[in-house]
Amino acid sequence: LKVLIEDEWHNALPGLPFSVEDAQGQVLYQGQTERNGTASFNLETAADNKRLFIKSPQLKTLTLELGERPSFSR
């Protein structure tokens, strides 16, 4: 998965710490964004995790809905 993380003015956020959590609050991944503001990672999660959350202290939580057509929401 590759995600571009931006602020509300569409400025990329390099070096931003973030985590990916499942619906039970288990941290699946921790890292920081790359120099261009992207976050690239591979995840393996249980089949019943239909929703993952990308969290950072400096941003609103981003929700990733898993399914045939994955989608993001805030």
PDB file of N, CA and C in Angstrom:
ATOM      1  N   LEU A   1       0.857  -1.169   0.000  1.00  0.00           N
ATOM      2  CA  LEU A   1       0.000   0.000   0.000  1.00  0.00           C
ATOM      3  C   LEU A   1       0.900   1.227   0.000  1.00  0.00           C
ATOM      4  N   LYS A   2       0.551   2.191  -0.818  1.00  0.00           N
ATOM      5  CA  LYS A   2       1.297   3.448  -0.851  1.00  0.00           C
ATOM      6  C   LYS A   2       0.295   4.575  -0.698  1.00  0.00           C
ATOM      7  N   VAL A   3       0.523   5.433   0.286  1.00  0.00           N
ATOM      8  CA  VAL A   3      -0.399   6.512   0.613  1.00  0.00           C
ATOM      9  C   VAL A   3       0.375   7.825   0.650  1.00  0.00           C
ATOM     10  N   LEU A   4      -0.177   8.868   0.033  1.00  0.00           N
ATOM     11  CA  LEU A   4       0.394  10.204   0.136  1.00  0.00           C
ATOM     12  C   LEU A   4      -0.296  10.895   1.301  1.00  0.00           C
ATOM     13  N   ILE A   5       0.479  11.355   2.274  1.00  0.00           N
ATOM     14  CA  ILE A   5      -0.081  11.989   3.454  1.00  0.00           C
ATOM     15  C   ILE A   5       0.158  13.494   3.354  1.00  0.00           C
ATOM     16  N   GLU A   6      -0.953  14.234   3.344  1.00  0.00           N
ATOM     17  CA  GLU A   6      -0.916  15.683   3.179  1.00  0.00           C
ATOM     18  C   GLU A   6      -1.710  16.355   4.294  1.00  0.00           C
ATOM     19  N   ASP A   7      -1.433  17.654   4.496  1.00  0.00           N
ATOM     20  CA  ASP A   7      -2.257  18.424   5.421  1.00  0.00           C
ATOM     21  C   ASP A   7      -3.486  18.942   4.669  1.00  0.00           C
ATOM     22  N   GLU A   8      -4.306  19.744   5.341  1.00  0.00           N
ATOM     23  CA  GLU A   8      -5.549  20.200   4.731  1.00  0.00           C
ATOM     24  C   GLU A   8      -5.331  21.160   3.565  1.00  0.00           C
ATOM     25  N   TRP A   9      -4.116  21.687   3.391  1.00  0.00           N
ATOM     26  CA  TRP A   9      -3.791  22.566   2.264  1.00  0.00           C
ATOM     27  C   TRP A   9      -3.045  21.816   1.165  1.00  0.00           C
ATOM     28  N   HIS A  10      -3.052  20.485   1.219  1.00  0.00           N
ATOM     29  CA  HIS A  10      -2.426  19.609   0.220  1.00  0.00           C
ATOM     30  C   HIS A  10      -0.911  19.726   0.172  1.00  0.00           C
ATOM     31  N   ASN A  11      -0.297  20.071   1.317  1.00  0.00           N
ATOM     32  CA  ASN A  11       1.158  20.062   1.430  1.00  0.00           C
ATOM     33  C   ASN A  11       1.579  18.680   1.921  1.00  0.00           C
ATOM     34  N   ALA A  12       2.508  18.044   1.203  1.00  0.00           N
ATOM     35  CA  ALA A  12       3.017  16.735   1.628  1.00  0.00           C
ATOM     36  C   ALA A  12       3.737  16.882   2.964  1.00  0.00           C
ATOM     37  N   LEU A  13       3.676  15.862   3.794  1.00  0.00           N
ATOM     38  CA  LEU A  13       4.256  15.915   5.134  1.00  0.00           C
ATOM     39  C   LEU A  13       5.387  14.901   5.271  1.00  0.00           C
ATOM     40  N   PRO A  14       6.631  15.302   4.949  1.00  0.00           N
ATOM     41  CA  PRO A  14       7.768  14.394   5.082  1.00  0.00           C
ATOM     42  C   PRO A  14       8.145  14.184   6.549  1.00  0.00           C
ATOM     43  N   GLY A  15       8.573  12.978   6.873  1.00  0.00           N
ATOM     44  CA  GLY A  15       9.063  12.670   8.213  1.00  0.00           C
ATOM     45  C   GLY A  15       7.985  12.615   9.280  1.00  0.00           C
ATOM     46  N   LEU A  16       6.736  12.494   8.874  1.00  0.00           N
ATOM     47  CA  LEU A  16       5.621  12.465   9.824  1.00  0.00           C
ATOM     48  C   LEU A  16       5.478  11.064  10.422  1.00  0.00           C
ATOM     49  N   PRO A  17       5.539  10.934  11.746  1.00  0.00           N
ATOM     50  CA  PRO A  17       5.328   9.615  12.350  1.00  0.00           C
ATOM     51  C   PRO A  17       3.856   9.220  12.252  1.00  0.00           C
ATOM     52  N   PHE A  18       3.605   7.933  11.974  1.00  0.00           N
ATOM     53  CA  PHE A  18       2.239   7.440  11.876  1.00  0.00           C
ATOM     54  C   PHE A  18       2.205   5.968  12.262  1.00  0.00           C
ATOM     55  N   SER A  19       1.008   5.485  12.518  1.00  0.00           N
ATOM     56  CA  SER A  19       0.819   4.062  12.780  1.00  0.00           C
ATOM     57  C   SER A  19      -0.410   3.587  12.034  1.00  0.00           C
ATOM     58  N   VAL A  20      -0.453   2.290  11.775  1.00  0.00           N
ATOM     59  CA  VAL A  20      -1.623   1.646  11.181  1.00  0.00           C
ATOM     60  C   VAL A  20      -2.155   0.672  12.224  1.00  0.00           C
ATOM     61  N   GLU A  21      -3.447   0.819  12.561  1.00  0.00           N
ATOM     62  CA  GLU A  21      -4.063  -0.014  13.584  1.00  0.00           C
ATOM     63  C   GLU A  21      -5.276  -0.726  13.017  1.00  0.00           C
ATOM     64  N   ASP A  22      -5.582  -1.900  13.594  1.00  0.00           N
ATOM     65  CA  ASP A  22      -6.793  -2.600  13.194  1.00  0.00           C
ATOM     66  C   ASP A  22      -7.956  -2.144  14.069  1.00  0.00           C
ATOM     67  N   ALA A  23      -9.127  -2.690  13.838  1.00  0.00           N
ATOM     68  CA  ALA A  23     -10.330  -2.272  14.560  1.00  0.00           C
ATOM     69  C   ALA A  23     -10.246  -2.569  16.054  1.00  0.00           C
ATOM     70  N   GLN A  24      -9.390  -3.488  16.463  1.00  0.00           N
ATOM     71  CA  GLN A  24      -9.215  -3.817  17.874  1.00  0.00           C
ATOM     72  C   GLN A  24      -8.143  -2.959  18.545  1.00  0.00           C
ATOM     73  N   GLY A  25      -7.525  -2.049  17.795  1.00  0.00           N
ATOM     74  CA  GLY A  25      -6.503  -1.169  18.345  1.00  0.00           C
ATOM     75  C   GLY A  25      -5.095  -1.743  18.313  1.00  0.00           C
ATOM     76  N   GLN A  26      -4.935  -2.916  17.709  1.00  0.00           N
ATOM     77  CA  GLN A  26      -3.606  -3.522  17.605  1.00  0.00           C
ATOM     78  C   GLN A  26      -2.798  -2.786  16.536  1.00  0.00           C
ATOM     79  N   VAL A  27      -1.583  -2.372  16.889  1.00  0.00           N
ATOM     80  CA  VAL A  27      -0.714  -1.673  15.941  1.00  0.00           C
ATOM     81  C   VAL A  27      -0.116  -2.697  14.983  1.00  0.00           C
ATOM     82  N   LEU A  28      -0.394  -2.512  13.696  1.00  0.00           N
ATOM     83  CA  LEU A  28       0.110  -3.417  12.658  1.00  0.00           C
ATOM     84  C   LEU A  28       1.387  -2.895  12.019  1.00  0.00           C
ATOM     85  N   TYR A  29       1.568  -1.577  12.063  1.00  0.00           N
ATOM     86  CA  TYR A  29       2.742  -0.975  11.432  1.00  0.00           C
ATOM     87  C   TYR A  29       2.986   0.387  12.073  1.00  0.00           C
ATOM     88  N   GLN A  30       4.255   0.728  12.278  1.00  0.00           N
ATOM     89  CA  GLN A  30       4.650   2.057  12.720  1.00  0.00           C
ATOM     90  C   GLN A  30       5.792   2.524  11.844  1.00  0.00           C
ATOM     91  N   GLY A  31       5.786   3.779  11.488  1.00  0.00           N
ATOM     92  CA  GLY A  31       6.862   4.318  10.667  1.00  0.00           C
ATOM     93  C   GLY A  31       6.704   5.817  10.529  1.00  0.00           C
ATOM     94  N   GLN A  32       7.379   6.352   9.533  1.00  0.00           N
ATOM     95  CA  GLN A  32       7.230   7.771   9.225  1.00  0.00           C
ATOM     96  C   GLN A  32       7.216   7.939   7.723  1.00  0.00           C
ATOM     97  N   THR A  33       6.640   9.049   7.275  1.00  0.00           N
ATOM     98  CA  THR A  33       6.532   9.279   5.846  1.00  0.00           C
ATOM     99  C   THR A  33       7.908   9.552   5.243  1.00  0.00           C
ATOM    100  N   GLU A  34       8.015   9.276   3.967  1.00  0.00           N
ATOM    101  CA  GLU A  34       9.265   9.489   3.244  1.00  0.00           C
ATOM    102  C   GLU A  34       9.429  10.979   2.914  1.00  0.00           C
ATOM    103  N   ARG A  35      10.511  11.327   2.270  1.00  0.00           N
ATOM    104  CA  ARG A  35      10.820  12.737   1.970  1.00  0.00           C
ATOM    105  C   ARG A  35       9.757  13.411   1.113  1.00  0.00           C
ATOM    106  N   ASN A  36       9.046  12.631   0.299  1.00  0.00           N
ATOM    107  CA  ASN A  36       8.002  13.207  -0.554  1.00  0.00           C
ATOM    108  C   ASN A  36       6.616  13.121   0.081  1.00  0.00           C
ATOM    109  N   GLY A  37       6.534  12.708   1.349  1.00  0.00           N
ATOM    110  CA  GLY A  37       5.259  12.644   2.057  1.00  0.00           C
ATOM    111  C   GLY A  37       4.496  11.354   1.885  1.00  0.00           C
ATOM    112  N   THR A  38       5.096  10.387   1.193  1.00  0.00           N
ATOM    113  CA  THR A  38       4.393   9.115   1.008  1.00  0.00           C
ATOM    114  C   THR A  38       4.754   8.131   2.118  1.00  0.00           C
ATOM    115  N   ALA A  39       3.853   7.207   2.328  1.00  0.00           N
ATOM    116  CA  ALA A  39       4.066   6.105   3.249  1.00  0.00           C
ATOM    117  C   ALA A  39       3.833   4.831   2.459  1.00  0.00           C
ATOM    118  N   SER A  40       4.826   3.970   2.405  1.00  0.00           N
ATOM    119  CA  SER A  40       4.720   2.710   1.676  1.00  0.00           C
ATOM    120  C   SER A  40       4.928   1.566   2.647  1.00  0.00           C
ATOM    121  N   PHE A  41       4.015   0.611   2.636  1.00  0.00           N
ATOM    122  CA  PHE A  41       4.149  -0.517   3.554  1.00  0.00           C
ATOM    123  C   PHE A  41       3.322  -1.693   3.062  1.00  0.00           C
ATOM    124  N   ASN A  42       3.717  -2.875   3.494  1.00  0.00           N
ATOM    125  CA  ASN A  42       2.968  -4.104   3.239  1.00  0.00           C
ATOM    126  C   ASN A  42       2.356  -4.553   4.555  1.00  0.00           C
ATOM    127  N   LEU A  43       1.106  -4.973   4.499  1.00  0.00           N
ATOM    128  CA  LEU A  43       0.422  -5.428   5.705  1.00  0.00           C
ATOM    129  C   LEU A  43      -0.186  -6.795   5.483  1.00  0.00           C
ATOM    130  N   GLU A  44      -0.137  -7.607   6.520  1.00  0.00           N
ATOM    131  CA  GLU A  44      -0.905  -8.839   6.557  1.00  0.00           C
ATOM    132  C   GLU A  44      -1.788  -8.732   7.779  1.00  0.00           C
ATOM    133  N   THR A  45      -3.070  -8.959   7.595  1.00  0.00           N
ATOM    134  CA  THR A  45      -4.006  -8.822   8.697  1.00  0.00           C
ATOM    135  C   THR A  45      -5.066  -9.911   8.602  1.00  0.00           C
ATOM    136  N   ALA A  46      -5.745 -10.148   9.708  1.00  0.00           N
ATOM    137  CA  ALA A  46      -6.773 -11.189   9.748  1.00  0.00           C
ATOM    138  C   ALA A  46      -7.891 -10.877   8.755  1.00  0.00           C
ATOM    139  N   ALA A  47      -8.508 -11.920   8.258  1.00  0.00           N
ATOM    140  CA  ALA A  47      -9.558 -11.767   7.250  1.00  0.00           C
ATOM    141  C   ALA A  47     -10.742 -10.944   7.763  1.00  0.00           C
ATOM    142  N   ASP A  48     -10.974 -10.946   9.084  1.00  0.00           N
ATOM    143  CA  ASP A  48     -12.125 -10.207   9.610  1.00  0.00           C
ATOM    144  C   ASP A  48     -11.839  -8.725   9.837  1.00  0.00           C
ATOM    145  N   ASN A  49     -10.633  -8.262   9.549  1.00  0.00           N
ATOM    146  CA  ASN A  49     -10.325  -6.832   9.662  1.00  0.00           C
ATOM    147  C   ASN A  49     -10.768  -6.139   8.382  1.00  0.00           C
ATOM    148  N   LYS A  50     -11.965  -5.587   8.402  1.00  0.00           N
ATOM    149  CA  LYS A  50     -12.487  -4.907   7.219  1.00  0.00           C
ATOM    150  C   LYS A  50     -12.169  -3.424   7.234  1.00  0.00           C
ATOM    151  N   ARG A  51     -11.600  -2.955   8.342  1.00  0.00           N
ATOM    152  CA  ARG A  51     -11.315  -1.527   8.479  1.00  0.00           C
ATOM    153  C   ARG A  51      -9.979  -1.369   9.195  1.00  0.00           C
ATOM    154  N   LEU A  52      -9.095  -0.557   8.623  1.00  0.00           N
ATOM    155  CA  LEU A  52      -7.817  -0.219   9.243  1.00  0.00           C
ATOM    156  C   LEU A  52      -7.759   1.291   9.419  1.00  0.00           C
ATOM    157  N   PHE A  53      -6.960   1.749  10.375  1.00  0.00           N
ATOM    158  CA  PHE A  53      -6.884   3.164  10.687  1.00  0.00           C
ATOM    159  C   PHE A  53      -5.433   3.626  10.615  1.00  0.00           C
ATOM    160  N   ILE A  54      -5.189   4.684   9.834  1.00  0.00           N
ATOM    161  CA  ILE A  54      -3.872   5.306   9.764  1.00  0.00           C
ATOM    162  C   ILE A  54      -3.933   6.506  10.702  1.00  0.00           C
ATOM    163  N   LYS A  55      -3.073   6.511  11.734  1.00  0.00           N
ATOM    164  CA  LYS A  55      -3.133   7.534  12.772  1.00  0.00           C
ATOM    165  C   LYS A  55      -1.799   8.259  12.905  1.00  0.00           C
ATOM    166  N   SER A  56      -1.896   9.536  13.223  1.00  0.00           N
ATOM    167  CA  SER A  56      -0.731  10.355  13.516  1.00  0.00           C
ATOM    168  C   SER A  56      -1.170  11.440  14.490  1.00  0.00           C
ATOM    169  N   PRO A  57      -0.300  11.822  15.430  1.00  0.00           N
ATOM    170  CA  PRO A  57      -0.684  12.883  16.367  1.00  0.00           C
ATOM    171  C   PRO A  57      -0.995  14.207  15.671  1.00  0.00           C
ATOM    172  N   GLN A  58      -0.458  14.421  14.477  1.00  0.00           N
ATOM    173  CA  GLN A  58      -0.620  15.699  13.790  1.00  0.00           C
ATOM    174  C   GLN A  58      -1.753  15.704  12.765  1.00  0.00           C
ATOM    175  N   LEU A  59      -2.440  14.573  12.579  1.00  0.00           N
ATOM    176  CA  LEU A  59      -3.477  14.477  11.553  1.00  0.00           C
ATOM    177  C   LEU A  59      -4.744  13.861  12.106  1.00  0.00           C
ATOM    178  N   LYS A  60      -5.845  14.064  11.386  1.00  0.00           N
ATOM    179  CA  LYS A  60      -7.061  13.324  11.675  1.00  0.00           C
ATOM    180  C   LYS A  60      -6.809  11.872  11.270  1.00  0.00           C
ATOM    181  N   THR A  61      -7.525  10.953  11.893  1.00  0.00           N
ATOM    182  CA  THR A  61      -7.387   9.546  11.549  1.00  0.00           C
ATOM    183  C   THR A  61      -7.948   9.292  10.159  1.00  0.00           C
ATOM    184  N   LEU A  62      -7.226   8.519   9.366  1.00  0.00           N
ATOM    185  CA  LEU A  62      -7.654   8.121   8.032  1.00  0.00           C
ATOM    186  C   LEU A  62      -8.097   6.674   8.098  1.00  0.00           C
ATOM    187  N   THR A  63      -9.307   6.387   7.652  1.00  0.00           N
ATOM    188  CA  THR A  63      -9.853   5.036   7.703  1.00  0.00           C
ATOM    189  C   THR A  63      -9.735   4.377   6.333  1.00  0.00           C
ATOM    190  N   LEU A  64      -9.213   3.163   6.294  1.00  0.00           N
ATOM    191  CA  LEU A  64      -9.109   2.384   5.070  1.00  0.00           C
ATOM    192  C   LEU A  64     -10.121   1.253   5.150  1.00  0.00           C
ATOM    193  N   GLU A  65     -11.117   1.300   4.284  1.00  0.00           N
ATOM    194  CA  GLU A  65     -12.133   0.254   4.208  1.00  0.00           C
ATOM    195  C   GLU A  65     -11.641  -0.799   3.222  1.00  0.00           C
ATOM    196  N   LEU A  66     -11.469  -2.021   3.704  1.00  0.00           N
ATOM    197  CA  LEU A  66     -10.982  -3.109   2.861  1.00  0.00           C
ATOM    198  C   LEU A  66     -12.171  -3.802   2.196  1.00  0.00           C
ATOM    199  N   GLY A  67     -11.950  -4.310   1.023  1.00  0.00           N
ATOM    200  CA  GLY A  67     -12.990  -5.002   0.277  1.00  0.00           C
ATOM    201  C   GLY A  67     -12.544  -5.145  -1.157  1.00  0.00           C
ATOM    202  N   GLU A  68     -13.498  -5.430  -2.026  1.00  0.00           N
ATOM    203  CA  GLU A  68     -13.156  -5.564  -3.445  1.00  0.00           C
ATOM    204  C   GLU A  68     -12.608  -4.261  -4.003  1.00  0.00           C
ATOM    205  N   ARG A  69     -13.133  -3.148  -3.524  1.00  0.00           N
ATOM    206  CA  ARG A  69     -12.653  -1.825  -3.946  1.00  0.00           C
ATOM    207  C   ARG A  69     -12.286  -1.048  -2.682  1.00  0.00           C
ATOM    208  N   PRO A  70     -11.036  -1.166  -2.216  1.00  0.00           N
ATOM    209  CA  PRO A  70     -10.641  -0.441  -1.001  1.00  0.00           C
ATOM    210  C   PRO A  70     -10.881   1.063  -1.147  1.00  0.00           C
ATOM    211  N   SER A  71     -11.289   1.705  -0.053  1.00  0.00           N
ATOM    212  CA  SER A  71     -11.547   3.148  -0.098  1.00  0.00           C
ATOM    213  C   SER A  71     -11.088   3.788   1.210  1.00  0.00           C
ATOM    214  N   PHE A  72     -10.804   5.097   1.135  1.00  0.00           N
ATOM    215  CA  PHE A  72     -10.360   5.879   2.293  1.00  0.00           C
ATOM    216  C   PHE A  72     -11.459   6.841   2.701  1.00  0.00           C
ATOM    217  N   SER A  73     -11.514   7.138   3.988  1.00  0.00           N
ATOM    218  CA  SER A  73     -12.391   8.200   4.490  1.00  0.00           C
ATOM    219  C   SER A  73     -11.712   8.823   5.707  1.00  0.00           C
ATOM    220  N   ARG A  74     -12.151  10.006   6.095  1.00  0.00           N
ATOM    221  CA  ARG A  74     -11.578  10.703   7.255  1.00  0.00           C
ATOM    222  C   ARG A  74     -12.527  10.616   8.419  1.00  0.00           C
TER     223      ARG A  74
END
